[in-house]
PDB file of N, CA and C in Angstrom:
ATOM      1  N   MET A   1     -13.819 -13.290  -0.154  1.00  0.00           N
ATOM      2  CA  MET A   1     -12.565 -12.682  -0.563  1.00  0.00           C
ATOM      3  C   MET A   1     -12.779 -11.281  -1.092  1.00  0.00           C
ATOM      4  N   ALA A   2     -13.981 -10.912  -1.446  1.00  0.00           N
ATOM      5  CA  ALA A   2     -14.232  -9.598  -2.038  1.00  0.00           C
ATOM      6  C   ALA A   2     -13.692  -8.463  -1.189  1.00  0.00           C
ATOM      7  N   GLY A   3     -13.747  -8.589   0.140  1.00  0.00           N
ATOM      8  CA  GLY A   3     -13.232  -7.542   1.012  1.00  0.00           C
ATOM      9  C   GLY A   3     -11.724  -7.424   0.972  1.00  0.00           C
ATOM     10  N   ASP A   4     -11.035  -8.507   0.603  1.00  0.00           N
ATOM     11  CA  ASP A   4      -9.582  -8.508   0.541  1.00  0.00           C
ATOM     12  C   ASP A   4      -9.055  -8.134  -0.838  1.00  0.00           C
ATOM     13  N   GLU A   5      -9.923  -8.004  -1.803  1.00  0.00           N
ATOM     14  CA  GLU A   5      -9.493  -7.682  -3.162  1.00  0.00           C
ATOM     15  C   GLU A   5      -9.127  -6.209  -3.285  1.00  0.00           C
ATOM     16  N   ILE A   6      -8.192  -5.938  -4.182  1.00  0.00           N
ATOM     17  CA  ILE A   6      -7.831  -4.578  -4.542  1.00  0.00           C
ATOM     18  C   ILE A   6      -8.412  -4.315  -5.926  1.00  0.00           C
ATOM     19  N   GLY A   7      -9.158  -3.222  -6.053  1.00  0.00           N
ATOM     20  CA  GLY A   7      -9.758  -2.873  -7.335  1.00  0.00           C
ATOM     21  C   GLY A   7      -8.796  -2.071  -8.197  1.00  0.00           C
ATOM     22  N   PHE A   8      -8.777  -2.367  -9.482  1.00  0.00           N
ATOM     23  CA  PHE A   8      -7.923  -1.680 -10.444  1.00  0.00           C
ATOM     24  C   PHE A   8      -8.762  -1.117 -11.578  1.00  0.00           C
ATOM     25  N   GLY A   9      -8.300  -0.016 -12.123  1.00  0.00           N
ATOM     26  CA  GLY A   9      -8.848   0.545 -13.344  1.00  0.00           C
ATOM     27  C   GLY A   9      -7.721   0.662 -14.346  1.00  0.00           C
ATOM     28  N   VAL A  10      -8.015   0.426 -15.604  1.00  0.00           N
ATOM     29  CA  VAL A  10      -7.009   0.519 -16.662  1.00  0.00           C
ATOM     30  C   VAL A  10      -7.402   1.660 -17.585  1.00  0.00           C
ATOM     31  N   VAL A  11      -6.479   2.604 -17.753  1.00  0.00           N
ATOM     32  CA  VAL A  11      -6.701   3.756 -18.625  1.00  0.00           C
ATOM     33  C   VAL A  11      -5.896   3.539 -19.896  1.00  0.00           C
ATOM     34  N   GLY A  12      -6.588   3.483 -21.024  1.00  0.00           N
ATOM     35  CA  GLY A  12      -5.939   3.258 -22.317  1.00  0.00           C
ATOM     36  C   GLY A  12      -5.969   1.790 -22.671  1.00  0.00           C
ATOM     37  N   LEU A  13      -6.681   1.436 -23.721  1.00  0.00           N
ATOM     38  CA  LEU A  13      -6.880   0.034 -24.070  1.00  0.00           C
ATOM     39  C   LEU A  13      -6.064  -0.403 -25.272  1.00  0.00           C
ATOM     40  N   GLY A  14      -4.960   0.269 -25.526  1.00  0.00           N
ATOM     41  CA  GLY A  14      -3.991  -0.255 -26.484  1.00  0.00           C
ATOM     42  C   GLY A  14      -3.260  -1.371 -25.768  1.00  0.00           C
ATOM     43  N   ILE A  15      -2.138  -1.040 -25.177  1.00  0.00           N
ATOM     44  CA  ILE A  15      -1.384  -1.995 -24.366  1.00  0.00           C
ATOM     45  C   ILE A  15      -2.125  -2.354 -23.084  1.00  0.00           C
ATOM     46  N   GLY A  16      -3.079  -1.516 -22.699  1.00  0.00           N
ATOM     47  CA  GLY A  16      -3.836  -1.760 -21.483  1.00  0.00           C
ATOM     48  C   GLY A  16      -4.633  -3.054 -21.492  1.00  0.00           C
ATOM     49  N   VAL A  17      -4.958  -3.582 -22.666  1.00  0.00           N
ATOM     50  CA  VAL A  17      -5.700  -4.846 -22.748  1.00  0.00           C
ATOM     51  C   VAL A  17      -4.901  -5.964 -22.087  1.00  0.00           C
ATOM     52  N   SER A  18      -3.589  -5.985 -22.297  1.00  0.00           N
ATOM     53  CA  SER A  18      -2.771  -7.018 -21.658  1.00  0.00           C
ATOM     54  C   SER A  18      -2.781  -6.846 -20.138  1.00  0.00           C
ATOM     55  N   ARG A  19      -2.843  -5.603 -19.669  1.00  0.00           N
ATOM     56  CA  ARG A  19      -2.936  -5.351 -18.225  1.00  0.00           C
ATOM     57  C   ARG A  19      -4.266  -5.869 -17.674  1.00  0.00           C
ATOM     58  N   CYS A  20      -5.334  -5.671 -18.439  1.00  0.00           N
ATOM     59  CA  CYS A  20      -6.648  -6.181 -18.028  1.00  0.00           C
ATOM     60  C   CYS A  20      -6.610  -7.699 -17.868  1.00  0.00           C
ATOM     61  N   LYS A  21      -5.982  -8.381 -18.803  1.00  0.00           N
ATOM     62  CA  LYS A  21      -5.896  -9.843 -18.734  1.00  0.00           C
ATOM     63  C   LYS A  21      -5.123 -10.284 -17.501  1.00  0.00           C
ATOM     64  N   MET A  22      -4.033  -9.588 -17.187  1.00  0.00           N
ATOM     65  CA  MET A  22      -3.251  -9.939 -16.008  1.00  0.00           C
ATOM     66  C   MET A  22      -4.055  -9.719 -14.732  1.00  0.00           C
ATOM     67  N   ILE A  23      -4.760  -8.594 -14.663  1.00  0.00           N
ATOM     68  CA  ILE A  23      -5.560  -8.283 -13.469  1.00  0.00           C
ATOM     69  C   ILE A  23      -6.650  -9.326 -13.281  1.00  0.00           C
ATOM     70  N   LYS A  24      -7.316  -9.713 -14.368  1.00  0.00           N
ATOM     71  CA  LYS A  24      -8.419 -10.669 -14.267  1.00  0.00           C
ATOM     72  C   LYS A  24      -7.950 -12.032 -13.770  1.00  0.00           C
ATOM     73  N   THR A  25      -6.690 -12.373 -13.966  1.00  0.00           N
ATOM     74  CA  THR A  25      -6.202 -13.685 -13.544  1.00  0.00           C
ATOM     75  C   THR A  25      -5.418 -13.635 -12.236  1.00  0.00           C
ATOM     76  N   ALA A  26      -5.188 -12.458 -11.692  1.00  0.00           N
ATOM     77  CA  ALA A  26      -4.386 -12.327 -10.471  1.00  0.00           C
ATOM     78  C   ALA A  26      -5.253 -12.516  -9.230  1.00  0.00           C
ATOM     79  N   ASP A  27      -4.782 -13.352  -8.318  1.00  0.00           N
ATOM     80  CA  ASP A  27      -5.479 -13.523  -7.042  1.00  0.00           C
ATOM     81  C   ASP A  27      -5.431 -12.211  -6.273  1.00  0.00           C
ATOM     82  N   GLY A  28      -6.546 -11.835  -5.686  1.00  0.00           N
ATOM     83  CA  GLY A  28      -6.606 -10.630  -4.865  1.00  0.00           C
ATOM     84  C   GLY A  28      -6.794  -9.349  -5.657  1.00  0.00           C
ATOM     85  N   ALA A  29      -6.981  -9.461  -6.970  1.00  0.00           N
ATOM     86  CA  ALA A  29      -7.164  -8.278  -7.814  1.00  0.00           C
ATOM     87  C   ALA A  29      -8.528  -8.351  -8.494  1.00  0.00           C
ATOM     88  N   ARG A  30      -9.121  -7.180  -8.694  1.00  0.00           N
ATOM     89  CA  ARG A  30     -10.431  -7.096  -9.353  1.00  0.00           C
ATOM     90  C   ARG A  30     -10.400  -5.921 -10.322  1.00  0.00           C
ATOM     91  N   LEU A  31     -10.782  -6.162 -11.559  1.00  0.00           N
ATOM     92  CA  LEU A  31     -10.845  -5.100 -12.562  1.00  0.00           C
ATOM     93  C   LEU A  31     -12.165  -4.363 -12.387  1.00  0.00           C
ATOM     94  N   VAL A  32     -12.081  -3.111 -11.957  1.00  0.00           N
ATOM     95  CA  VAL A  32     -13.265  -2.321 -11.647  1.00  0.00           C
ATOM     96  C   VAL A  32     -13.803  -1.609 -12.875  1.00  0.00           C
ATOM     97  N   ALA A  33     -12.900  -1.065 -13.698  1.00  0.00           N
ATOM     98  CA  ALA A  33     -13.333  -0.307 -14.869  1.00  0.00           C
ATOM     99  C   ALA A  33     -12.187  -0.173 -15.850  1.00  0.00           C
ATOM    100  N   VAL A  34     -12.544   0.072 -17.106  1.00  0.00           N
ATOM    101  CA  VAL A  34     -11.574   0.388 -18.149  1.00  0.00           C
ATOM    102  C   VAL A  34     -11.957   1.734 -18.744  1.00  0.00           C
ATOM    103  N   CYS A  35     -10.964   2.445 -19.249  1.00  0.00           N
ATOM    104  CA  CYS A  35     -11.209   3.767 -19.808  1.00  0.00           C
ATOM    105  C   CYS A  35     -10.487   3.906 -21.138  1.00  0.00           C
ATOM    106  N   ASP A  36     -11.204   4.358 -22.139  1.00  0.00           N
ATOM    107  CA  ASP A  36     -10.611   4.635 -23.445  1.00  0.00           C
ATOM    108  C   ASP A  36     -11.556   5.578 -24.187  1.00  0.00           C
ATOM    109  N   LEU A  37     -10.986   6.499 -24.934  1.00  0.00           N
ATOM    110  CA  LEU A  37     -11.808   7.435 -25.706  1.00  0.00           C
ATOM    111  C   LEU A  37     -12.506   6.763 -26.882  1.00  0.00           C
ATOM    112  N   ASP A  38     -11.922   5.666 -27.380  1.00  0.00           N
ATOM    113  CA  ASP A  38     -12.464   4.960 -28.525  1.00  0.00           C
ATOM    114  C   ASP A  38     -13.614   4.048 -28.083  1.00  0.00           C
ATOM    115  N   GLU A  39     -14.817   4.335 -28.556  1.00  0.00           N
ATOM    116  CA  GLU A  39     -15.997   3.592 -28.114  1.00  0.00           C
ATOM    117  C   GLU A  39     -15.923   2.119 -28.491  1.00  0.00           C
ATOM    118  N   GLU A  40     -15.444   1.804 -29.690  1.00  0.00           N
ATOM    119  CA  GLU A  40     -15.389   0.408 -30.116  1.00  0.00           C
ATOM    120  C   GLU A  40     -14.472  -0.410 -29.188  1.00  0.00           C
ATOM    121  N   ARG A  41     -13.292   0.137 -28.890  1.00  0.00           N
ATOM    122  CA  ARG A  41     -12.373  -0.561 -27.976  1.00  0.00           C
ATOM    123  C   ARG A  41     -12.972  -0.653 -26.576  1.00  0.00           C
ATOM    124  N   GLY A  42     -13.606   0.434 -26.147  1.00  0.00           N
ATOM    125  CA  GLY A  42     -14.198   0.447 -24.821  1.00  0.00           C
ATOM    126  C   GLY A  42     -15.296  -0.578 -24.656  1.00  0.00           C
ATOM    127  N   ARG A  43     -16.199  -0.628 -25.617  1.00  0.00           N
ATOM    128  CA  ARG A  43     -17.322  -1.582 -25.553  1.00  0.00           C
ATOM    129  C   ARG A  43     -16.816  -3.025 -25.626  1.00  0.00           C
ATOM    130  N   LYS A  44     -15.812  -3.242 -26.466  1.00  0.00           N
ATOM    131  CA  LYS A  44     -15.246  -4.590 -26.598  1.00  0.00           C
ATOM    132  C   LYS A  44     -14.636  -5.044 -25.270  1.00  0.00           C
ATOM    133  N   ALA A  45     -13.851  -4.181 -24.636  1.00  0.00           N
ATOM    134  CA  ALA A  45     -13.234  -4.521 -23.352  1.00  0.00           C
ATOM    135  C   ALA A  45     -14.285  -4.686 -22.270  1.00  0.00           C
ATOM    136  N   GLU A  46     -15.310  -3.850 -22.299  1.00  0.00           N
ATOM    137  CA  GLU A  46     -16.391  -3.928 -21.320  1.00  0.00           C
ATOM    138  C   GLU A  46     -17.032  -5.319 -21.355  1.00  0.00           C
ATOM    139  N   ALA A  47     -17.267  -5.830 -22.557  1.00  0.00           N
ATOM    140  CA  ALA A  47     -17.880  -7.151 -22.709  1.00  0.00           C
ATOM    141  C   ALA A  47     -16.887  -8.269 -22.370  1.00  0.00           C
ATOM    142  N   GLU A  48     -15.678  -8.159 -22.885  1.00  0.00           N
ATOM    143  CA  GLU A  48     -14.681  -9.221 -22.688  1.00  0.00           C
ATOM    144  C   GLU A  48     -14.302  -9.396 -21.219  1.00  0.00           C
ATOM    145  N   PHE A  49     -14.151  -8.296 -20.508  1.00  0.00           N
ATOM    146  CA  PHE A  49     -13.674  -8.357 -19.127  1.00  0.00           C
ATOM    147  C   PHE A  49     -14.790  -8.186 -18.094  1.00  0.00           C
ATOM    148  N   GLU A  50     -16.036  -8.097 -18.574  1.00  0.00           N
ATOM    149  CA  GLU A  50     -17.206  -7.971 -17.700  1.00  0.00           C
ATOM    150  C   GLU A  50     -17.000  -6.866 -16.667  1.00  0.00           C
ATOM    151  N   THR A  51     -16.708  -5.678 -17.172  1.00  0.00           N
ATOM    152  CA  THR A  51     -16.445  -4.528 -16.316  1.00  0.00           C
ATOM    153  C   THR A  51     -17.069  -3.284 -16.925  1.00  0.00           C
ATOM    154  N   GLU A  52     -16.943  -2.178 -16.242  1.00  0.00           N
ATOM    155  CA  GLU A  52     -17.515  -0.920 -16.723  1.00  0.00           C
ATOM    156  C   GLU A  52     -16.525  -0.214 -17.655  1.00  0.00           C
ATOM    157  N   TRP A  53     -17.042   0.338 -18.752  1.00  0.00           N
ATOM    158  CA  TRP A  53     -16.229   1.166 -19.644  1.00  0.00           C
ATOM    159  C   TRP A  53     -16.554   2.629 -19.374  1.00  0.00           C
ATOM    160  N   ILE A  54     -15.507   3.428 -19.232  1.00  0.00           N
ATOM    161  CA  ILE A  54     -15.642   4.869 -19.024  1.00  0.00           C
ATOM    162  C   ILE A  54     -14.923   5.567 -20.177  1.00  0.00           C
ATOM    163  N   ARG A  55     -15.572   6.545 -20.791  1.00  0.00           N
ATOM    164  CA  ARG A  55     -14.963   7.237 -21.929  1.00  0.00           C
ATOM    165  C   ARG A  55     -13.903   8.238 -21.480  1.00  0.00           C
ATOM    166  N   ASP A  56     -14.200   9.029 -20.455  1.00  0.00           N
ATOM    167  CA  ASP A  56     -13.278  10.084 -20.011  1.00  0.00           C
ATOM    168  C   ASP A  56     -12.785   9.805 -18.607  1.00  0.00           C
ATOM    169  N   TYR A  57     -11.586  10.264 -18.328  1.00  0.00           N
ATOM    170  CA  TYR A  57     -10.974  10.062 -17.012  1.00  0.00           C
ATOM    171  C   TYR A  57     -10.351  11.370 -16.549  1.00  0.00           C
ATOM    172  N   ASP A  58     -10.729  11.832 -15.371  1.00  0.00           N
ATOM    173  CA  ASP A  58     -10.149  13.072 -14.862  1.00  0.00           C
ATOM    174  C   ASP A  58      -9.333  12.821 -13.593  1.00  0.00           C
ATOM    175  N   GLY A  59      -8.814  11.610 -13.476  1.00  0.00           N
ATOM    176  CA  GLY A  59      -8.073  11.210 -12.291  1.00  0.00           C
ATOM    177  C   GLY A  59      -6.902  12.095 -11.907  1.00  0.00           C
ATOM    178  N   PRO A  60      -6.018  12.457 -12.828  1.00  0.00           N
ATOM    179  CA  PRO A  60      -4.864  13.271 -12.413  1.00  0.00           C
ATOM    180  C   PRO A  60      -5.267  14.556 -11.709  1.00  0.00           C
ATOM    181  N   ILE A  61      -6.359  15.169 -12.132  1.00  0.00           N
ATOM    182  CA  ILE A  61      -6.822  16.386 -11.469  1.00  0.00           C
ATOM    183  C   ILE A  61      -7.213  16.055 -10.031  1.00  0.00           C
ATOM    184  N   ASN A  62      -7.921  14.936  -9.847  1.00  0.00           N
ATOM    185  CA  ASN A  62      -8.317  14.530  -8.499  1.00  0.00           C
ATOM    186  C   ASN A  62      -7.113  14.223  -7.629  1.00  0.00           C
ATOM    187  N   ILE A  63      -6.098  13.608  -8.185  1.00  0.00           N
ATOM    188  CA  ILE A  63      -4.888  13.287  -7.428  1.00  0.00           C
ATOM    189  C   ILE A  63      -4.201  14.570  -6.980  1.00  0.00           C
ATOM    190  N   ILE A  64      -4.090  15.531  -7.880  1.00  0.00           N
ATOM    191  CA  ILE A  64      -3.453  16.805  -7.541  1.00  0.00           C
ATOM    192  C   ILE A  64      -4.253  17.503  -6.448  1.00  0.00           C
ATOM    193  N   GLU A  65      -5.573  17.528  -6.586  1.00  0.00           N
ATOM    194  CA  GLU A  65      -6.419  18.131  -5.560  1.00  0.00           C
ATOM    195  C   GLU A  65      -6.247  17.420  -4.219  1.00  0.00           C
ATOM    196  N   ASP A  66      -6.119  16.108  -4.242  1.00  0.00           N
ATOM    197  CA  ASP A  66      -5.930  15.331  -3.022  1.00  0.00           C
ATOM    198  C   ASP A  66      -4.621  15.718  -2.331  1.00  0.00           C
ATOM    199  N   VAL A  67      -3.533  15.791  -3.094  1.00  0.00           N
ATOM    200  CA  VAL A  67      -2.230  16.158  -2.518  1.00  0.00           C
ATOM    201  C   VAL A  67      -2.268  17.578  -1.970  1.00  0.00           C
ATOM    202  N   LEU A  68      -2.844  18.498  -2.728  1.00  0.00           N
ATOM    203  CA  LEU A  68      -2.931  19.885  -2.246  1.00  0.00           C
ATOM    204  C   LEU A  68      -3.762  19.968  -0.969  1.00  0.00           C
ATOM    205  N   GLY A  69      -4.848  19.217  -0.899  1.00  0.00           N
ATOM    206  CA  GLY A  69      -5.675  19.205   0.298  1.00  0.00           C
ATOM    207  C   GLY A  69      -4.915  18.685   1.505  1.00  0.00           C
ATOM    208  N   MET A  70      -4.079  17.672   1.287  1.00  0.00           N
ATOM    209  CA  MET A  70      -3.268  17.135   2.385  1.00  0.00           C
ATOM    210  C   MET A  70      -2.264  18.174   2.863  1.00  0.00           C
ATOM    211  N   LEU A  71      -1.593  18.822   1.899  1.00  0.00           N
ATOM    212  CA  LEU A  71      -0.537  19.777   2.247  1.00  0.00           C
ATOM    213  C   LEU A  71      -1.100  21.060   2.862  1.00  0.00           C
ATOM    214  N   ARG A  72      -2.151  21.577   2.258  1.00  0.00           N
ATOM    215  CA  ARG A  72      -2.710  22.857   2.717  1.00  0.00           C
ATOM    216  C   ARG A  72      -3.604  22.724   3.929  1.00  0.00           C
ATOM    217  N   ASP A  73      -4.479  21.722   3.885  1.00  0.00           N
ATOM    218  CA  ASP A  73      -5.552  21.643   4.870  1.00  0.00           C
ATOM    219  C   ASP A  73      -5.398  20.512   5.875  1.00  0.00           C
ATOM    220  N   GLY A  74      -4.351  19.708   5.720  1.00  0.00           N
ATOM    221  CA  GLY A  74      -4.149  18.589   6.635  1.00  0.00           C
ATOM    222  C   GLY A  74      -5.177  17.480   6.490  1.00  0.00           C
ATOM    223  N   LYS A  75      -5.817  17.382   5.316  1.00  0.00           N
ATOM    224  CA  LYS A  75      -6.824  16.342   5.081  1.00  0.00           C
ATOM    225  C   LYS A  75      -6.155  14.971   4.949  1.00  0.00           C
ATOM    226  N   GLU A  76      -6.912  13.939   5.235  1.00  0.00           N
ATOM    227  CA  GLU A  76      -6.443  12.574   5.031  1.00  0.00           C
ATOM    228  C   GLU A  76      -6.416  12.288   3.525  1.00  0.00           C
ATOM    229  N   PRO A  77      -5.460  11.503   3.055  1.00  0.00           N
ATOM    230  CA  PRO A  77      -5.412  11.170   1.622  1.00  0.00           C
ATOM    231  C   PRO A  77      -6.545  10.233   1.224  1.00  0.00           C
ATOM    232  N   MET A  78      -6.875  10.218  -0.068  1.00  0.00           N
ATOM    233  CA  MET A  78      -7.905   9.306  -0.569  1.00  0.00           C
ATOM    234  C   MET A  78      -7.508   7.858  -0.313  1.00  0.00           C
ATOM    235  N   VAL A  79      -6.206   7.575  -0.426  1.00  0.00           N
ATOM    236  CA  VAL A  79      -5.696   6.224  -0.225  1.00  0.00           C
ATOM    237  C   VAL A  79      -4.588   6.288   0.818  1.00  0.00           C
ATOM    238  N   SER A  80      -4.702   5.469   1.855  1.00  0.00           N
ATOM    239  CA  SER A  80      -3.683   5.469   2.914  1.00  0.00           C
ATOM    240  C   SER A  80      -2.413   4.785   2.435  1.00  0.00           C
ATOM    241  N   GLY A  81      -1.336   5.005   3.130  1.00  0.00           N
ATOM    242  CA  GLY A  81      -0.054   4.382   2.795  1.00  0.00           C
ATOM    243  C   GLY A  81      -0.129   2.866   2.763  1.00  0.00           C
ATOM    244  N   PRO A  82      -0.675   2.228   3.821  1.00  0.00           N
ATOM    245  CA  PRO A  82      -0.770   0.764   3.797  1.00  0.00           C
ATOM    246  C   PRO A  82      -1.615   0.232   2.632  1.00  0.00           C
ATOM    247  N   GLU A  83      -2.702   0.907   2.315  1.00  0.00           N
ATOM    248  CA  GLU A  83      -3.533   0.470   1.185  1.00  0.00           C
ATOM    249  C   GLU A  83      -2.796   0.652  -0.136  1.00  0.00           C
ATOM    250  N   ALA A  84      -2.053   1.730  -0.269  1.00  0.00           N
ATOM    251  CA  ALA A  84      -1.266   1.959  -1.488  1.00  0.00           C
ATOM    252  C   ALA A  84      -0.208   0.880  -1.641  1.00  0.00           C
ATOM    253  N   ARG A  85       0.425   0.479  -0.546  1.00  0.00           N
ATOM    254  CA  ARG A  85       1.435  -0.583  -0.605  1.00  0.00           C
ATOM    255  C   ARG A  85       0.819  -1.902  -1.066  1.00  0.00           C
ATOM    256  N   LYS A  86      -0.414  -2.180  -0.636  1.00  0.00           N
ATOM    257  CA  LYS A  86      -1.091  -3.398  -1.091  1.00  0.00           C
ATOM    258  C   LYS A  86      -1.262  -3.375  -2.607  1.00  0.00           C
ATOM    259  N   SER A  87      -1.644  -2.220  -3.136  1.00  0.00           N
ATOM    260  CA  SER A  87      -1.827  -2.092  -4.587  1.00  0.00           C
ATOM    261  C   SER A  87      -0.519  -2.329  -5.327  1.00  0.00           C
ATOM    262  N   VAL A  88       0.545  -1.735  -4.825  1.00  0.00           N
ATOM    263  CA  VAL A  88       1.862  -1.915  -5.458  1.00  0.00           C
ATOM    264  C   VAL A  88       2.266  -3.387  -5.408  1.00  0.00           C
ATOM    265  N   GLU A  89       2.021  -4.038  -4.284  1.00  0.00           N
ATOM    266  CA  GLU A  89       2.376  -5.451  -4.145  1.00  0.00           C
ATOM    267  C   GLU A  89       1.624  -6.299  -5.172  1.00  0.00           C
ATOM    268  N   ILE A  90       0.349  -6.006  -5.366  1.00  0.00           N
ATOM    269  CA  ILE A  90      -0.428  -6.773  -6.345  1.00  0.00           C
ATOM    270  C   ILE A  90       0.086  -6.512  -7.758  1.00  0.00           C
ATOM    271  N   ILE A  91       0.390  -5.271  -8.065  1.00  0.00           N
ATOM    272  CA  ILE A  91       0.923  -4.960  -9.400  1.00  0.00           C
ATOM    273  C   ILE A  91       2.232  -5.704  -9.630  1.00  0.00           C
ATOM    274  N   LEU A  92       3.123  -5.689  -8.643  1.00  0.00           N
ATOM    275  CA  LEU A  92       4.382  -6.429  -8.767  1.00  0.00           C
ATOM    276  C   LEU A  92       4.124  -7.920  -8.963  1.00  0.00           C
ATOM    277  N   ALA A  93       3.152  -8.458  -8.229  1.00  0.00           N
ATOM    278  CA  ALA A  93       2.821  -9.878  -8.361  1.00  0.00           C
ATOM    279  C   ALA A  93       2.257 -10.194  -9.746  1.00  0.00           C
ATOM    280  N   VAL A  94       1.465  -9.286 -10.295  1.00  0.00           N
ATOM    281  CA  VAL A  94       0.918  -9.490 -11.639  1.00  0.00           C
ATOM    282  C   VAL A  94       2.053  -9.589 -12.659  1.00  0.00           C
ATOM    283  N   TYR A  95       3.005  -8.676 -12.587  1.00  0.00           N
ATOM    284  CA  TYR A  95       4.138  -8.713 -13.512  1.00  0.00           C
ATOM    285  C   TYR A  95       4.994  -9.963 -13.299  1.00  0.00           C
ATOM    286  N   GLU A  96       5.240 -10.316 -12.047  1.00  0.00           N
ATOM    287  CA  GLU A  96       6.050 -11.499 -11.751  1.00  0.00           C
ATOM    288  C   GLU A  96       5.349 -12.762 -12.235  1.00  0.00           C
ATOM    289  N   SER A  97       4.026 -12.821 -12.075  1.00  0.00           N
ATOM    290  CA  SER A  97       3.258 -13.961 -12.554  1.00  0.00           C
ATOM    291  C   SER A  97       3.351 -14.093 -14.072  1.00  0.00           C
ATOM    292  N   ALA A  98       3.256 -12.961 -14.767  1.00  0.00           N
ATOM    293  CA  ALA A  98       3.367 -12.984 -16.229  1.00  0.00           C
ATOM    294  C   ALA A  98       4.767 -13.424 -16.650  1.00  0.00           C
ATOM    295  N   LYS A  99       5.762 -12.980 -15.932  1.00  0.00           N
ATOM    296  CA  LYS A  99       7.161 -13.320 -16.249  1.00  0.00           C
ATOM    297  C   LYS A  99       7.421 -14.819 -16.042  1.00  0.00           C
ATOM    298  N   ARG A 100       6.942 -15.355 -14.909  1.00  0.00           N
ATOM    299  CA  ARG A 100       7.187 -16.757 -14.568  1.00  0.00           C
ATOM    300  C   ARG A 100       6.184 -17.717 -15.200  1.00  0.00           C
ATOM    301  N   GLY A 101       4.995 -17.200 -15.516  1.00  0.00           N
ATOM    302  CA  GLY A 101       3.945 -18.059 -16.038  1.00  0.00           C
ATOM    303  C   GLY A 101       3.304 -18.913 -14.960  1.00  0.00           C
ATOM    304  N   GLU A 102       3.273 -18.393 -13.728  1.00  0.00           N
ATOM    305  CA  GLU A 102       2.669 -19.139 -12.622  1.00  0.00           C
ATOM    306  C   GLU A 102       2.045 -18.173 -11.633  1.00  0.00           C
ATOM    307  N   LYS A 103       1.227 -18.712 -10.726  1.00  0.00           N
ATOM    308  CA  LYS A 103       0.595 -17.890  -9.707  1.00  0.00           C
ATOM    309  C   LYS A 103       1.642 -17.430  -8.691  1.00  0.00           C
ATOM    310  N   ILE A 104       1.436 -16.249  -8.169  1.00  0.00           N
ATOM    311  CA  ILE A 104       2.299 -15.696  -7.137  1.00  0.00           C
ATOM    312  C   ILE A 104       1.470 -15.561  -5.864  1.00  0.00           C
ATOM    313  N   VAL A 105       2.008 -16.036  -4.763  1.00  0.00           N
ATOM    314  CA  VAL A 105       1.296 -15.999  -3.487  1.00  0.00           C
ATOM    315  C   VAL A 105       1.611 -14.682  -2.778  1.00  0.00           C
ATOM    316  N   LEU A 106       0.558 -14.042  -2.271  1.00  0.00           N
ATOM    317  CA  LEU A 106       0.697 -12.817  -1.510  1.00  0.00           C
ATOM    318  C   LEU A 106       0.504 -13.112  -0.026  1.00  0.00           C
ATOM    319  N   PRO A 107       1.123 -12.401   0.862  1.00  0.00           N
ATOM    320  CA  PRO A 107       2.004 -11.262   0.588  1.00  0.00           C
ATOM    321  C   PRO A 107       3.353 -11.723   0.039  1.00  0.00           C
ATOM    322  N   LEU A 108       3.990 -10.830  -0.724  1.00  0.00           N
ATOM    323  CA  LEU A 108       5.315 -11.118  -1.264  1.00  0.00           C
ATOM    324  C   LEU A 108       6.320 -11.164  -0.126  1.00  0.00           C
ATOM    325  N   GLU A 109       7.336 -11.980  -0.296  1.00  0.00           N
ATOM    326  CA  GLU A 109       8.391 -12.023   0.711  1.00  0.00           C
ATOM    327  C   GLU A 109       9.289 -10.817   0.518  1.00  0.00           C
ATOM    328  N   THR A 110       9.712 -10.207   1.629  1.00  0.00           N
ATOM    329  CA  THR A 110      10.606  -9.056   1.528  1.00  0.00           C
ATOM    330  C   THR A 110      12.021  -9.421   1.898  1.00  0.00           C
TER     331      THR A 110
END
């Protein structure tokens, strides 16, 4: 199943801890890394969720560079449309699972 999993990273471990718990229990989802400036929170989450802790995150800059590269240079995006839709579907399923208190089967019905 590892090839079918979607990897997630959580930035900010205040409310983000609840997101980590949802990701860890969602079918088809894998928590790849957590990010927080606070070392104590980061190390705690790293141990609890058996994932990598990252102190700094420069993702928004990379996203902007990716969009500009697509618009200016015709480059392919870092994430394709179909792959992005899979991520959104898993996120929706995580929230729906938390709301209902049960597992949600993917793909979601449209």
